[in-house]
Amino acid sequence: MNPGTALKQGFSLARRTRAAIWVLYLINLGLAVIAAFPIYRGILRFTGDSLMGQQLASGFSLDWFFDFSHNSPGSLDRYASFILLVGLLSIPINTVLAGGVLGRFLQPASTFSLRAFFQDTGRYAWRLIRLLVLGLVCYWIVFRIFRQGLMNLIEDRTYDWQSDRTVFALRLGASLVLLLGLGLVNLVMDYARVKLVREDGASAVEAFLSSLGFALSRLRKAAAVYALPTLASLALLGLYWLVVPWSLINGSEAAQGLARYREPLAVALLFVGQQAVMFGRYWLRVATWASEWSYYSASR
């Protein structure tokens, strides 16, 4: 099977699995709400019903931020720690949810039910967690070799060089090698998840090693199936940043010329746009898994 056929089948499979995408999106939206709630409460407590509270609805104020930081010492550090905690918690949660999504690919024509989704989630949970640990070790090795080892070597060897352009080119090359290494680990991890769910008896170690050999032996095609939906997801995010009129949103109320009743509407539209982009990115993530599933199944 060529990458184009795998992608075509994968996108079709993702459309039939859209109910599972909604579950993935809503759970992550709930995690985002939990992470943002302390900050929301802190801002609301600090501004109350003041004029500043109304101004923050249409634009961010650095003066208010510095004032908030000065009058609420330690709050920003606590918020950052809580967001980091929720972010770390989201990694194993999304790893486990991947089992429920991939489990739908086994019987895509069957009627979706939350019970079956979470049964699949529980069935593959511990093996996916063990696979996650293997992946984290590989990420650490890649960072250790290329981010620390290679960068430190370049800094030591180019310490007395006079050509800044040459040094910059070497550092840029090392960064690109790091990205390629991380991309390879992501590629292997994706196919390992596919193998682990598709071949129910496979262990995490077996799935990882088998997927490593599979990806390296078919690197060009396997990488194309992984990269195209991933690049589309990045393009969707870039399109959002280009389309949204940031100068209007971040401008002063006088410059906007907006009536007060239109401020909540602008915030609501911005929120809807952001969530549409996030849902689209989750859809493309599932489409990536589905395309890899189709390519792996045909190759096997």
C-alpha atoms as a PDB file:
ATOM      1  CA  MET A   1       0.000   0.000   0.000  1.00  0.00           C
ATOM      2  CA  ASN A   2       1.291   3.461  -0.855  1.00  0.00           C
ATOM      3  CA  PRO A   3       0.988   6.400   1.576  1.00  0.00           C
ATOM      4  CA  GLY A   4      -1.767   8.074  -0.459  1.00  0.00           C
ATOM      5  CA  THR A   5      -4.047   5.049  -0.220  1.00  0.00           C
ATOM      6  CA  ALA A   6      -3.297   4.679   3.497  1.00  0.00           C
ATOM      7  CA  LEU A   7      -4.164   8.319   4.105  1.00  0.00           C
ATOM      8  CA  LYS A   8      -7.381   8.033   2.106  1.00  0.00           C
ATOM      9  CA  GLN A   9      -8.477   5.000   4.085  1.00  0.00           C
ATOM     10  CA  GLY A  10      -7.320   6.607   7.330  1.00  0.00           C
ATOM     11  CA  PHE A  11      -9.359   9.771   6.848  1.00  0.00           C
ATOM     12  CA  SER A  12     -12.402   7.677   5.971  1.00  0.00           C
ATOM     13  CA  LEU A  13     -11.857   5.591   9.102  1.00  0.00           C
ATOM     14  CA  ALA A  14     -11.488   8.759  11.196  1.00  0.00           C
ATOM     15  CA  ARG A  15     -14.848  10.045   9.938  1.00  0.00           C
ATOM     16  CA  ARG A  16     -16.508   6.822  11.081  1.00  0.00           C
ATOM     17  CA  THR A  17     -14.794   7.200  14.474  1.00  0.00           C
ATOM     18  CA  ARG A  18     -15.836  10.806  15.092  1.00  0.00           C
ATOM     19  CA  ALA A  19     -17.784   9.930  18.250  1.00  0.00           C
ATOM     20  CA  ALA A  20     -14.538   8.756  19.877  1.00  0.00           C
ATOM     21  CA  ILE A  21     -12.900  12.025  18.800  1.00  0.00           C
ATOM     22  CA  TRP A  22     -15.596  13.925  20.704  1.00  0.00           C
ATOM     23  CA  VAL A  23     -14.806  11.910  23.836  1.00  0.00           C
ATOM     24  CA  LEU A  24     -11.094  12.672  23.456  1.00  0.00           C
ATOM     25  CA  TYR A  25     -11.787  16.367  22.880  1.00  0.00           C
ATOM     26  CA  LEU A  26     -14.268  16.807  25.754  1.00  0.00           C
ATOM     27  CA  ILE A  27     -12.031  15.078  28.306  1.00  0.00           C
ATOM     28  CA  ASN A  28      -9.102  17.293  27.324  1.00  0.00           C
ATOM     29  CA  LEU A  29     -11.358  20.346  27.427  1.00  0.00           C
ATOM     30  CA  GLY A  30     -12.310  19.353  30.979  1.00  0.00           C
ATOM     31  CA  LEU A  31      -8.625  19.118  31.905  1.00  0.00           C
ATOM     32  CA  ALA A  32      -8.070  22.597  30.445  1.00  0.00           C
ATOM     33  CA  VAL A  33     -10.970  23.977  32.495  1.00  0.00           C
ATOM     34  CA  ILE A  34      -9.510  22.435  35.660  1.00  0.00           C
ATOM     35  CA  ALA A  35      -6.105  23.967  34.885  1.00  0.00           C
ATOM     36  CA  ALA A  36      -7.581  27.420  34.183  1.00  0.00           C
ATOM     37  CA  PHE A  37     -10.062  27.548  37.069  1.00  0.00           C
ATOM     38  CA  PRO A  38      -7.603  28.735  39.792  1.00  0.00           C
ATOM     39  CA  ILE A  39      -6.376  31.528  37.516  1.00  0.00           C
ATOM     40  CA  TYR A  40      -9.943  32.528  36.704  1.00  0.00           C
ATOM     41  CA  ARG A  41     -10.847  32.630  40.395  1.00  0.00           C
ATOM     42  CA  GLY A  42      -7.743  34.663  41.183  1.00  0.00           C
ATOM     43  CA  ILE A  43      -8.429  37.236  38.472  1.00  0.00           C
ATOM     44  CA  LEU A  44     -12.095  37.463  39.429  1.00  0.00           C
ATOM     45  CA  ARG A  45     -11.231  37.955  43.089  1.00  0.00           C
ATOM     46  CA  PHE A  46      -8.668  40.652  42.242  1.00  0.00           C
ATOM     47  CA  THR A  47     -10.772  42.619  39.734  1.00  0.00           C
ATOM     48  CA  GLY A  48     -14.329  41.991  40.952  1.00  0.00           C
ATOM     49  CA  ASP A  49     -16.785  44.199  39.057  1.00  0.00           C
ATOM     50  CA  SER A  50     -14.247  46.958  38.446  1.00  0.00           C
ATOM     51  CA  LEU A  51     -13.587  48.730  35.156  1.00  0.00           C
ATOM     52  CA  MET A  52     -10.359  46.748  34.801  1.00  0.00           C
ATOM     53  CA  GLY A  53     -12.397  43.547  34.769  1.00  0.00           C
ATOM     54  CA  GLN A  54     -14.351  44.881  31.785  1.00  0.00           C
ATOM     55  CA  GLN A  55     -11.151  45.948  29.999  1.00  0.00           C
ATOM     56  CA  LEU A  56      -9.622  42.489  30.441  1.00  0.00           C
ATOM     57  CA  ALA A  57     -12.579  41.054  28.532  1.00  0.00           C
ATOM     58  CA  SER A  58     -11.355  42.770  25.361  1.00  0.00           C
ATOM     59  CA  GLY A  59      -7.577  42.854  25.811  1.00  0.00           C
ATOM     60  CA  PHE A  60      -4.693  41.954  28.097  1.00  0.00           C
ATOM     61  CA  SER A  61      -3.070  44.666  30.227  1.00  0.00           C
ATOM     62  CA  LEU A  62       0.575  44.417  31.255  1.00  0.00           C
ATOM     63  CA  ASP A  63       0.071  47.149  33.867  1.00  0.00           C
ATOM     64  CA  TRP A  64      -2.678  45.086  35.491  1.00  0.00           C
ATOM     65  CA  PHE A  65      -0.486  41.964  35.308  1.00  0.00           C
ATOM     66  CA  PHE A  66       2.387  43.652  37.153  1.00  0.00           C
ATOM     67  CA  ASP A  67      -0.055  45.068  39.689  1.00  0.00           C
ATOM     68  CA  PHE A  68      -1.585  41.629  40.226  1.00  0.00           C
ATOM     69  CA  SER A  69       1.859  40.043  40.605  1.00  0.00           C
ATOM     70  CA  HIS A  70       2.913  42.679  43.159  1.00  0.00           C
ATOM     71  CA  ASN A  71      -0.261  42.487  45.242  1.00  0.00           C
ATOM     72  CA  SER A  72      -0.600  38.693  45.115  1.00  0.00           C
ATOM     73  CA  PRO A  73       2.911  37.425  45.870  1.00  0.00           C
ATOM     74  CA  GLY A  74       3.443  33.784  45.026  1.00  0.00           C
ATOM     75  CA  SER A  75       0.165  33.439  43.111  1.00  0.00           C
ATOM     76  CA  LEU A  76       1.779  33.152  39.682  1.00  0.00           C
ATOM     77  CA  ASP A  77       4.160  30.439  40.901  1.00  0.00           C
ATOM     78  CA  ARG A  78       1.264  28.478  42.381  1.00  0.00           C
ATOM     79  CA  TYR A  79      -0.763  28.811  39.185  1.00  0.00           C
ATOM     80  CA  ALA A  80       2.212  27.705  37.092  1.00  0.00           C
ATOM     81  CA  SER A  81       2.803  24.686  39.336  1.00  0.00           C
ATOM     82  CA  PHE A  82      -0.848  23.674  39.127  1.00  0.00           C
ATOM     83  CA  ILE A  83      -0.911  24.026  35.328  1.00  0.00           C
ATOM     84  CA  LEU A  84       2.275  21.936  35.119  1.00  0.00           C
ATOM     85  CA  LEU A  85       0.695  19.270  37.321  1.00  0.00           C
ATOM     86  CA  VAL A  86      -2.443  19.077  35.159  1.00  0.00           C
ATOM     87  CA  GLY A  87      -0.279  19.039  32.027  1.00  0.00           C
ATOM     88  CA  LEU A  88       1.746  16.114  33.337  1.00  0.00           C
ATOM     89  CA  LEU A  89      -1.458  14.348  34.342  1.00  0.00           C
ATOM     90  CA  SER A  90      -2.847  14.782  30.822  1.00  0.00           C
ATOM     91  CA  ILE A  91       0.013  12.716  29.344  1.00  0.00           C
ATOM     92  CA  PRO A  92      -0.971   9.351  30.899  1.00  0.00           C
ATOM     93  CA  ILE A  93      -4.677  10.204  30.512  1.00  0.00           C
ATOM     94  CA  ASN A  94      -4.331  10.740  26.768  1.00  0.00           C
ATOM     95  CA  THR A  95      -2.097   7.685  26.519  1.00  0.00           C
ATOM     96  CA  VAL A  96      -4.834   5.546  28.065  1.00  0.00           C
ATOM     97  CA  LEU A  97      -7.586   7.172  25.969  1.00  0.00           C
ATOM     98  CA  ALA A  98      -5.663   6.234  22.835  1.00  0.00           C
ATOM     99  CA  GLY A  99      -6.591   2.627  23.576  1.00  0.00           C
ATOM    100  CA  GLY A 100     -10.290   3.491  23.408  1.00  0.00           C
ATOM    101  CA  VAL A 101      -9.859   5.365  20.121  1.00  0.00           C
ATOM    102  CA  LEU A 102      -7.712   2.685  18.481  1.00  0.00           C
ATOM    103  CA  GLY A 103     -10.074   0.005  19.743  1.00  0.00           C
ATOM    104  CA  ARG A 104     -12.794   1.553  17.565  1.00  0.00           C
ATOM    105  CA  PHE A 105     -10.718   0.744  14.478  1.00  0.00           C
ATOM    106  CA  LEU A 106     -11.221  -2.968  15.105  1.00  0.00           C
ATOM    107  CA  GLN A 107     -14.972  -2.624  14.422  1.00  0.00           C
ATOM    108  CA  PRO A 108     -15.543   0.825  12.891  1.00  0.00           C
ATOM    109  CA  ALA A 109     -18.967  -0.082  11.523  1.00  0.00           C
ATOM    110  CA  SER A 110     -20.378  -1.018  14.932  1.00  0.00           C
ATOM    111  CA  THR A 111     -22.511   1.429  16.887  1.00  0.00           C
ATOM    112  CA  PHE A 112     -20.476   3.629  19.212  1.00  0.00           C
ATOM    113  CA  SER A 113     -21.094   3.388  22.944  1.00  0.00           C
ATOM    114  CA  LEU A 114     -19.266   4.950  25.857  1.00  0.00           C
ATOM    115  CA  ARG A 115     -19.278   1.612  27.645  1.00  0.00           C
ATOM    116  CA  ALA A 116     -17.410  -0.123  24.821  1.00  0.00           C
ATOM    117  CA  PHE A 117     -15.035   2.852  24.493  1.00  0.00           C
ATOM    118  CA  PHE A 118     -14.014   2.752  28.147  1.00  0.00           C
ATOM    119  CA  GLN A 119     -13.858  -1.043  28.114  1.00  0.00           C
ATOM    120  CA  ASP A 120     -11.229  -0.765  25.388  1.00  0.00           C
ATOM    121  CA  THR A 121      -9.556   1.983  27.363  1.00  0.00           C
ATOM    122  CA  GLY A 122      -9.255  -0.279  30.402  1.00  0.00           C
ATOM    123  CA  ARG A 123      -8.204  -3.323  28.362  1.00  0.00           C
ATOM    124  CA  TYR A 124      -5.102  -1.661  26.914  1.00  0.00           C
ATOM    125  CA  ALA A 125      -4.393   0.841  29.701  1.00  0.00           C
ATOM    126  CA  TRP A 126      -1.480  -0.788  31.511  1.00  0.00           C
ATOM    127  CA  ARG A 127       0.306  -1.891  28.359  1.00  0.00           C
ATOM    128  CA  LEU A 128      -0.031   1.616  26.932  1.00  0.00           C
ATOM    129  CA  ILE A 129       1.339   3.073  30.173  1.00  0.00           C
ATOM    130  CA  ARG A 130       4.325   0.716  29.990  1.00  0.00           C
ATOM    131  CA  LEU A 131       4.782   1.742  26.369  1.00  0.00           C
ATOM    132  CA  LEU A 132       4.691   5.380  27.485  1.00  0.00           C
ATOM    133  CA  VAL A 133       7.526   4.686  29.952  1.00  0.00           C
ATOM    134  CA  LEU A 134       9.600   3.165  27.141  1.00  0.00           C
ATOM    135  CA  GLY A 135       8.876   6.209  24.999  1.00  0.00           C
ATOM    136  CA  LEU A 136       9.881   8.626  27.754  1.00  0.00           C
ATOM    137  CA  VAL A 137      13.187   6.777  28.134  1.00  0.00           C
ATOM    138  CA  CYS A 138      13.770   7.119  24.380  1.00  0.00           C
ATOM    139  CA  TYR A 139      12.908  10.831  24.472  1.00  0.00           C
ATOM    140  CA  TRP A 140      15.398  11.270  27.321  1.00  0.00           C
ATOM    141  CA  ILE A 141      18.104   9.449  25.346  1.00  0.00           C
ATOM    142  CA  VAL A 142      17.494  11.612  22.275  1.00  0.00           C
ATOM    143  CA  PHE A 143      17.639  14.810  24.358  1.00  0.00           C
ATOM    144  CA  ARG A 144      20.721  13.561  26.181  1.00  0.00           C
ATOM    145  CA  ILE A 145      22.608  12.737  22.979  1.00  0.00           C
ATOM    146  CA  PHE A 146      21.580  15.587  20.698  1.00  0.00           C
ATOM    147  CA  ARG A 147      20.410  18.424  22.968  1.00  0.00           C
ATOM    148  CA  GLN A 148      23.146  18.147  25.599  1.00  0.00           C
ATOM    149  CA  GLY A 149      25.921  16.018  24.118  1.00  0.00           C
ATOM    150  CA  LEU A 150      25.970  17.415  20.577  1.00  0.00           C
ATOM    151  CA  MET A 151      25.269  21.011  21.607  1.00  0.00           C
ATOM    152  CA  ASN A 152      27.975  20.936  24.276  1.00  0.00           C
ATOM    153  CA  LEU A 153      30.409  19.484  21.735  1.00  0.00           C
ATOM    154  CA  ILE A 154      29.621  22.276  19.277  1.00  0.00           C
ATOM    155  CA  GLU A 155      30.035  24.938  21.966  1.00  0.00           C
ATOM    156  CA  ASP A 156      33.378  23.505  23.057  1.00  0.00           C
ATOM    157  CA  ARG A 157      34.737  23.204  19.519  1.00  0.00           C
ATOM    158  CA  THR A 158      33.482  26.596  18.314  1.00  0.00           C
ATOM    159  CA  TYR A 159      34.290  28.644  21.427  1.00  0.00           C
ATOM    160  CA  ASP A 160      37.076  30.612  19.694  1.00  0.00           C
ATOM    161  CA  TRP A 161      35.586  30.745  16.224  1.00  0.00           C
ATOM    162  CA  GLN A 162      35.151  34.182  14.700  1.00  0.00           C
ATOM    163  CA  SER A 163      32.426  33.292  12.200  1.00  0.00           C
ATOM    164  CA  ASP A 164      29.039  33.621  13.890  1.00  0.00           C
ATOM    165  CA  ARG A 165      27.276  32.344  10.787  1.00  0.00           C
ATOM    166  CA  THR A 166      29.183  29.058  10.848  1.00  0.00           C
ATOM    167  CA  VAL A 167      28.445  28.567  14.550  1.00  0.00           C
ATOM    168  CA  PHE A 168      24.781  29.377  13.967  1.00  0.00           C
ATOM    169  CA  ALA A 169      24.612  26.908  11.076  1.00  0.00           C
ATOM    170  CA  LEU A 170      26.107  24.150  13.233  1.00  0.00           C
ATOM    171  CA  ARG A 171      23.672  24.827  16.075  1.00  0.00           C
ATOM    172  CA  LEU A 172      20.764  24.955  13.638  1.00  0.00           C
ATOM    173  CA  GLY A 173      21.864  21.628  12.166  1.00  0.00           C
ATOM    174  CA  ALA A 174      22.051  20.108  15.652  1.00  0.00           C
ATOM    175  CA  SER A 175      18.530  21.379  16.401  1.00  0.00           C
ATOM    176  CA  LEU A 176      17.226  19.847  13.179  1.00  0.00           C
ATOM    177  CA  VAL A 177      18.872  16.527  14.055  1.00  0.00           C
ATOM    178  CA  LEU A 178      17.189  16.727  17.462  1.00  0.00           C
ATOM    179  CA  LEU A 179      13.789  17.297  15.817  1.00  0.00           C
ATOM    180  CA  LEU A 180      14.367  14.366  13.475  1.00  0.00           C
ATOM    181  CA  GLY A 181      15.268  12.169  16.433  1.00  0.00           C
ATOM    182  CA  LEU A 182      12.126  13.185  18.314  1.00  0.00           C
ATOM    183  CA  GLY A 183      10.067  12.658  15.166  1.00  0.00           C
ATOM    184  CA  LEU A 184      11.453   9.141  14.800  1.00  0.00           C
ATOM    185  CA  VAL A 185      10.516   8.318  18.398  1.00  0.00           C
ATOM    186  CA  ASN A 186       7.002   9.706  17.804  1.00  0.00           C
ATOM    187  CA  LEU A 187       6.720   7.613  14.644  1.00  0.00           C
ATOM    188  CA  VAL A 188       7.772   4.405  16.414  1.00  0.00           C
ATOM    189  CA  MET A 189       5.462   5.125  19.358  1.00  0.00           C
ATOM    190  CA  ASP A 190       2.482   5.624  17.029  1.00  0.00           C
ATOM    191  CA  TYR A 191       3.018   2.326  15.236  1.00  0.00           C
ATOM    192  CA  ALA A 192       3.672   0.608  18.570  1.00  0.00           C
ATOM    193  CA  ARG A 193       0.232   1.746  19.808  1.00  0.00           C
ATOM    194  CA  VAL A 194      -1.315   0.448  16.597  1.00  0.00           C
ATOM    195  CA  LYS A 195       0.393  -2.944  16.952  1.00  0.00           C
ATOM    196  CA  LEU A 196      -0.462  -3.211  20.648  1.00  0.00           C
ATOM    197  CA  VAL A 197      -4.187  -2.725  20.008  1.00  0.00           C
ATOM    198  CA  ARG A 198      -4.402  -4.541  16.669  1.00  0.00           C
ATOM    199  CA  GLU A 199      -2.516  -7.581  17.976  1.00  0.00           C
ATOM    200  CA  ASP A 200      -4.106  -7.886  21.403  1.00  0.00           C
ATOM    201  CA  GLY A 201      -1.540 -10.328  22.776  1.00  0.00           C
ATOM    202  CA  ALA A 202       1.488  -8.097  22.143  1.00  0.00           C
ATOM    203  CA  SER A 203       3.379  -6.704  25.116  1.00  0.00           C
ATOM    204  CA  ALA A 204       4.635  -3.134  25.322  1.00  0.00           C
ATOM    205  CA  VAL A 205       8.270  -4.126  24.730  1.00  0.00           C
ATOM    206  CA  GLU A 206       7.343  -6.410  21.843  1.00  0.00           C
ATOM    207  CA  ALA A 207       5.182  -3.718  20.250  1.00  0.00           C
ATOM    208  CA  PHE A 208       7.929  -1.108  20.572  1.00  0.00           C
ATOM    209  CA  LEU A 209      10.734  -3.264  19.149  1.00  0.00           C
ATOM    210  CA  SER A 210       8.561  -4.603  16.341  1.00  0.00           C
ATOM    211  CA  SER A 211       7.405  -1.090  15.421  1.00  0.00           C
ATOM    212  CA  LEU A 212      10.989   0.160  15.478  1.00  0.00           C
ATOM    213  CA  GLY A 213      11.938  -2.456  12.900  1.00  0.00           C
ATOM    214  CA  PHE A 214       8.768  -1.796  10.912  1.00  0.00           C
ATOM    215  CA  ALA A 215       9.373   1.970  10.788  1.00  0.00           C
ATOM    216  CA  LEU A 216      13.074   1.687   9.893  1.00  0.00           C
ATOM    217  CA  SER A 217      12.471  -0.868   7.156  1.00  0.00           C
ATOM    218  CA  ARG A 218       9.747   1.315   5.547  1.00  0.00           C
ATOM    219  CA  LEU A 219      10.963   4.690   6.763  1.00  0.00           C
ATOM    220  CA  ARG A 220       9.985   6.844   3.788  1.00  0.00           C
ATOM    221  CA  LYS A 221       6.412   5.551   3.430  1.00  0.00           C
ATOM    222  CA  ALA A 222       5.782   5.137   7.166  1.00  0.00           C
ATOM    223  CA  ALA A 223       7.044   8.666   7.823  1.00  0.00           C
ATOM    224  CA  ALA A 224       4.853  10.092   5.030  1.00  0.00           C
ATOM    225  CA  VAL A 225       1.725   8.520   6.546  1.00  0.00           C
ATOM    226  CA  TYR A 226       2.674  10.044   9.918  1.00  0.00           C
ATOM    227  CA  ALA A 227       3.917  13.426   8.709  1.00  0.00           C
ATOM    228  CA  LEU A 228       1.179  14.617   6.332  1.00  0.00           C
ATOM    229  CA  PRO A 229      -1.715  14.762   8.859  1.00  0.00           C
ATOM    230  CA  THR A 230       0.700  16.128  11.466  1.00  0.00           C
ATOM    231  CA  LEU A 231       1.746  18.948   9.144  1.00  0.00           C
ATOM    232  CA  ALA A 232      -1.915  19.611   8.373  1.00  0.00           C
ATOM    233  CA  SER A 233      -2.521  20.017  12.106  1.00  0.00           C
ATOM    234  CA  LEU A 234       0.289  22.579  12.333  1.00  0.00           C
ATOM    235  CA  ALA A 235      -1.069  24.355   9.256  1.00  0.00           C
ATOM    236  CA  LEU A 236      -4.496  24.551  10.894  1.00  0.00           C
ATOM    237  CA  LEU A 237      -2.940  26.241  13.925  1.00  0.00           C
ATOM    238  CA  GLY A 238      -1.031  28.653  11.691  1.00  0.00           C
ATOM    239  CA  LEU A 239      -4.198  29.481   9.754  1.00  0.00           C
ATOM    240  CA  TYR A 240      -5.938  30.323  13.019  1.00  0.00           C
ATOM    241  CA  TRP A 241      -3.209  32.792  13.972  1.00  0.00           C
ATOM    242  CA  LEU A 242      -3.364  34.403  10.535  1.00  0.00           C
ATOM    243  CA  VAL A 243      -7.161  34.692  10.305  1.00  0.00           C
ATOM    244  CA  VAL A 244      -7.948  36.021  13.785  1.00  0.00           C
ATOM    245  CA  PRO A 245      -7.821  39.874  13.837  1.00  0.00           C
ATOM    246  CA  TRP A 246      -5.467  40.181  16.815  1.00  0.00           C
ATOM    247  CA  SER A 247      -5.060  43.944  16.414  1.00  0.00           C
ATOM    248  CA  LEU A 248      -8.819  44.353  16.873  1.00  0.00           C
ATOM    249  CA  ILE A 249      -8.995  41.987  19.844  1.00  0.00           C
ATOM    250  CA  ASN A 250      -5.972  43.405  21.658  1.00  0.00           C
ATOM    251  CA  GLY A 251      -6.685  47.038  20.834  1.00  0.00           C
ATOM    252  CA  SER A 252      -8.084  49.527  23.299  1.00  0.00           C
ATOM    253  CA  GLU A 253     -11.820  49.925  23.620  1.00  0.00           C
ATOM    254  CA  ALA A 254     -11.642  53.373  22.107  1.00  0.00           C
ATOM    255  CA  ALA A 255      -9.716  52.100  19.105  1.00  0.00           C
ATOM    256  CA  GLN A 256     -12.139  49.243  18.631  1.00  0.00           C
ATOM    257  CA  GLY A 257     -15.170  51.473  18.825  1.00  0.00           C
ATOM    258  CA  LEU A 258     -17.145  48.575  20.201  1.00  0.00           C
ATOM    259  CA  ALA A 259     -20.160  48.958  22.381  1.00  0.00           C
ATOM    260  CA  ARG A 260     -19.988  47.228  25.722  1.00  0.00           C
ATOM    261  CA  TYR A 261     -22.602  44.655  24.745  1.00  0.00           C
ATOM    262  CA  ARG A 262     -20.365  43.456  21.860  1.00  0.00           C
ATOM    263  CA  GLU A 263     -17.389  42.566  24.092  1.00  0.00           C
ATOM    264  CA  PRO A 264     -18.906  39.280  25.361  1.00  0.00           C
ATOM    265  CA  LEU A 265     -19.795  38.396  21.767  1.00  0.00           C
ATOM    266  CA  ALA A 266     -16.191  38.941  20.648  1.00  0.00           C
ATOM    267  CA  VAL A 267     -14.909  36.765  23.503  1.00  0.00           C
ATOM    268  CA  ALA A 268     -17.474  34.062  22.713  1.00  0.00           C
ATOM    269  CA  LEU A 269     -16.543  34.029  19.023  1.00  0.00           C
ATOM    270  CA  LEU A 270     -12.858  33.842  19.901  1.00  0.00           C
ATOM    271  CA  PHE A 271     -13.527  30.913  22.230  1.00  0.00           C
ATOM    272  CA  VAL A 272     -15.576  29.091  19.580  1.00  0.00           C
ATOM    273  CA  GLY A 273     -12.815  29.629  17.025  1.00  0.00           C
ATOM    274  CA  GLN A 274     -10.178  28.310  19.400  1.00  0.00           C
ATOM    275  CA  GLN A 275     -12.217  25.224  20.241  1.00  0.00           C
ATOM    276  CA  ALA A 276     -12.914  24.566  16.555  1.00  0.00           C
ATOM    277  CA  VAL A 277      -9.173  24.586  15.928  1.00  0.00           C
ATOM    278  CA  MET A 278      -8.534  22.280  18.893  1.00  0.00           C
ATOM    279  CA  PHE A 279     -11.224  19.845  17.756  1.00  0.00           C
ATOM    280  CA  GLY A 280      -9.744  19.913  14.251  1.00  0.00           C
ATOM    281  CA  ARG A 281      -6.327  19.070  15.649  1.00  0.00           C
ATOM    282  CA  TYR A 282      -7.729  16.142  17.639  1.00  0.00           C
ATOM    283  CA  TRP A 283      -9.526  14.981  14.499  1.00  0.00           C
ATOM    284  CA  LEU A 284      -6.272  15.103  12.544  1.00  0.00           C
ATOM    285  CA  ARG A 285      -4.492  13.255  15.351  1.00  0.00           C
ATOM    286  CA  VAL A 286      -7.010  10.439  15.151  1.00  0.00           C
ATOM    287  CA  ALA A 287      -6.748  10.557  11.347  1.00  0.00           C
ATOM    288  CA  THR A 288      -2.989  10.023  11.752  1.00  0.00           C
ATOM    289  CA  TRP A 289      -3.591   6.939  13.905  1.00  0.00           C
ATOM    290  CA  ALA A 290      -6.189   5.664  11.436  1.00  0.00           C
ATOM    291  CA  SER A 291      -3.841   6.154   8.465  1.00  0.00           C
ATOM    292  CA  GLU A 292      -1.045   4.364  10.311  1.00  0.00           C
ATOM    293  CA  TRP A 293      -3.501   1.606  11.201  1.00  0.00           C
ATOM    294  CA  SER A 294      -4.425   1.156   7.526  1.00  0.00           C
ATOM    295  CA  TYR A 295      -0.799   1.183   6.368  1.00  0.00           C
ATOM    296  CA  TYR A 296       0.351  -1.204   9.095  1.00  0.00           C
ATOM    297  CA  SER A 297      -2.536  -3.606   8.469  1.00  0.00           C
ATOM    298  CA  ALA A 298      -1.881  -3.689   4.715  1.00  0.00           C
ATOM    299  CA  SER A 299       1.852  -4.165   5.209  1.00  0.00           C
ATOM    300  CA  ARG A 300       1.268  -7.064   7.592  1.00  0.00           C
END
